[in-house]
Amino acid sequence: MQQIILPIIQILLSVLLVTAILLQQRGSGLGAAFGGEGNVFRTKRGLEKGLYFATIGIAFLFFVTAILNVALS
């Protein structure tokens, strides 16, 4: 049973991790080339901060499931 559930959890975590990474905003993108944000220090607030910590948590869970998958194989 573990041999079926653990890879499925790992696949779901990988999809969530990729989604969380792609949803994060970049400070210096194409907008900076056309007079957008320059080198301005900005802190994360609200949803952006929550998404940042969620990305760290999902990455940690993904790492733990990968180690468990190897250890139980």
C-alpha atoms as a PDB file:
ATOM      1  CA  MET A   1       0.000   0.000   0.000  1.00  0.00           C
ATOM      2  CA  GLN A   2       2.869   2.394   0.799  1.00  0.00           C
ATOM      3  CA  GLN A   3       4.413   1.651  -2.569  1.00  0.00           C
ATOM      4  CA  ILE A   4       1.322   3.108  -4.249  1.00  0.00           C
ATOM      5  CA  ILE A   5       0.457   6.029  -1.973  1.00  0.00           C
ATOM      6  CA  LEU A   6       3.929   7.529  -1.496  1.00  0.00           C
ATOM      7  CA  PRO A   7       4.653   8.151  -5.221  1.00  0.00           C
ATOM      8  CA  ILE A   8       1.172   9.630  -5.687  1.00  0.00           C
ATOM      9  CA  ILE A   9       1.777  12.027  -2.779  1.00  0.00           C
ATOM     10  CA  GLN A  10       5.143  12.930  -4.271  1.00  0.00           C
ATOM     11  CA  ILE A  11       3.599  13.665  -7.677  1.00  0.00           C
ATOM     12  CA  LEU A  12       0.929  15.873  -6.089  1.00  0.00           C
ATOM     13  CA  LEU A  13       3.548  17.730  -4.062  1.00  0.00           C
ATOM     14  CA  SER A  14       5.662  18.278  -7.169  1.00  0.00           C
ATOM     15  CA  VAL A  15       2.704  19.786  -9.033  1.00  0.00           C
ATOM     16  CA  LEU A  16       1.927  22.034  -6.045  1.00  0.00           C
ATOM     17  CA  LEU A  17       5.581  23.064  -5.777  1.00  0.00           C
ATOM     18  CA  VAL A  18       5.841  24.002  -9.459  1.00  0.00           C
ATOM     19  CA  THR A  19       2.572  25.948  -9.212  1.00  0.00           C
ATOM     20  CA  ALA A  20       3.700  27.812  -6.094  1.00  0.00           C
ATOM     21  CA  ILE A  21       7.020  28.724  -7.705  1.00  0.00           C
ATOM     22  CA  LEU A  22       5.376  29.975 -10.890  1.00  0.00           C
ATOM     23  CA  LEU A  23       2.857  32.089  -8.957  1.00  0.00           C
ATOM     24  CA  GLN A  24       5.570  34.084  -7.233  1.00  0.00           C
ATOM     25  CA  GLN A  25       6.292  37.503  -8.678  1.00  0.00           C
ATOM     26  CA  ARG A  26       9.663  38.487 -10.010  1.00  0.00           C
ATOM     27  CA  GLY A  27      11.030  41.902  -9.041  1.00  0.00           C
ATOM     28  CA  SER A  28      13.139  42.434 -12.146  1.00  0.00           C
ATOM     29  CA  GLY A  29      11.367  41.146 -15.182  1.00  0.00           C
ATOM     30  CA  LEU A  30      10.582  42.621 -18.558  1.00  0.00           C
ATOM     31  CA  GLY A  31       8.784  45.526 -16.854  1.00  0.00           C
ATOM     32  CA  ALA A  32      12.058  46.788 -15.388  1.00  0.00           C
ATOM     33  CA  ALA A  33      13.460  47.220 -18.905  1.00  0.00           C
ATOM     34  CA  PHE A  34      10.660  49.648 -19.763  1.00  0.00           C
ATOM     35  CA  GLY A  35      10.896  51.857 -16.681  1.00  0.00           C
ATOM     36  CA  GLY A  36       9.229  49.557 -14.196  1.00  0.00           C
ATOM     37  CA  GLU A  37      10.562  48.668 -10.804  1.00  0.00           C
ATOM     38  CA  GLY A  38      14.284  49.241 -10.456  1.00  0.00           C
ATOM     39  CA  ASN A  39      16.476  48.155  -7.572  1.00  0.00           C
ATOM     40  CA  VAL A  40      13.966  48.983  -4.876  1.00  0.00           C
ATOM     41  CA  PHE A  41      14.012  46.945  -1.674  1.00  0.00           C
ATOM     42  CA  ARG A  42      10.562  45.566  -0.996  1.00  0.00           C
ATOM     43  CA  THR A  43       9.276  43.294   1.758  1.00  0.00           C
ATOM     44  CA  LYS A  44       6.826  40.476   1.244  1.00  0.00           C
ATOM     45  CA  ARG A  45       3.383  41.121   2.685  1.00  0.00           C
ATOM     46  CA  GLY A  46       0.053  39.374   2.808  1.00  0.00           C
ATOM     47  CA  LEU A  47      -0.602  36.711   0.200  1.00  0.00           C
ATOM     48  CA  GLU A  48       2.896  36.995  -1.244  1.00  0.00           C
ATOM     49  CA  LYS A  49       4.429  36.198   2.147  1.00  0.00           C
ATOM     50  CA  GLY A  50       2.036  33.282   2.658  1.00  0.00           C
ATOM     51  CA  LEU A  51       2.880  31.900  -0.782  1.00  0.00           C
ATOM     52  CA  TYR A  52       6.590  32.218   0.025  1.00  0.00           C
ATOM     53  CA  PHE A  53       6.262  30.207   3.247  1.00  0.00           C
ATOM     54  CA  ALA A  54       3.935  27.698   1.561  1.00  0.00           C
ATOM     55  CA  THR A  55       6.594  27.130  -1.116  1.00  0.00           C
ATOM     56  CA  ILE A  56       9.191  26.424   1.564  1.00  0.00           C
ATOM     57  CA  GLY A  57       6.821  24.034   3.345  1.00  0.00           C
ATOM     58  CA  ILE A  58       5.890  22.171   0.160  1.00  0.00           C
ATOM     59  CA  ALA A  59       9.562  21.872  -0.809  1.00  0.00           C
ATOM     60  CA  PHE A  60      10.355  20.437   2.638  1.00  0.00           C
ATOM     61  CA  LEU A  61       7.491  17.919   2.384  1.00  0.00           C
ATOM     62  CA  PHE A  62       8.624  16.946  -1.112  1.00  0.00           C
ATOM     63  CA  PHE A  63      12.151  16.353   0.165  1.00  0.00           C
ATOM     64  CA  VAL A  64      10.872  14.232   3.085  1.00  0.00           C
ATOM     65  CA  THR A  65       8.677  12.105   0.801  1.00  0.00           C
ATOM     66  CA  ALA A  66      11.603  11.607  -1.597  1.00  0.00           C
ATOM     67  CA  ILE A  67      13.824  10.408   1.255  1.00  0.00           C
ATOM     68  CA  LEU A  68      11.033   8.127   2.544  1.00  0.00           C
ATOM     69  CA  ASN A  69      10.479   6.756  -0.943  1.00  0.00           C
ATOM     70  CA  VAL A  70      14.162   5.844  -1.244  1.00  0.00           C
ATOM     71  CA  ALA A  71      14.393   4.468   2.299  1.00  0.00           C
ATOM     72  CA  LEU A  72      11.314   2.242   1.972  1.00  0.00           C
ATOM     73  CA  SER A  73      12.248   0.897  -1.469  1.00  0.00           C
END
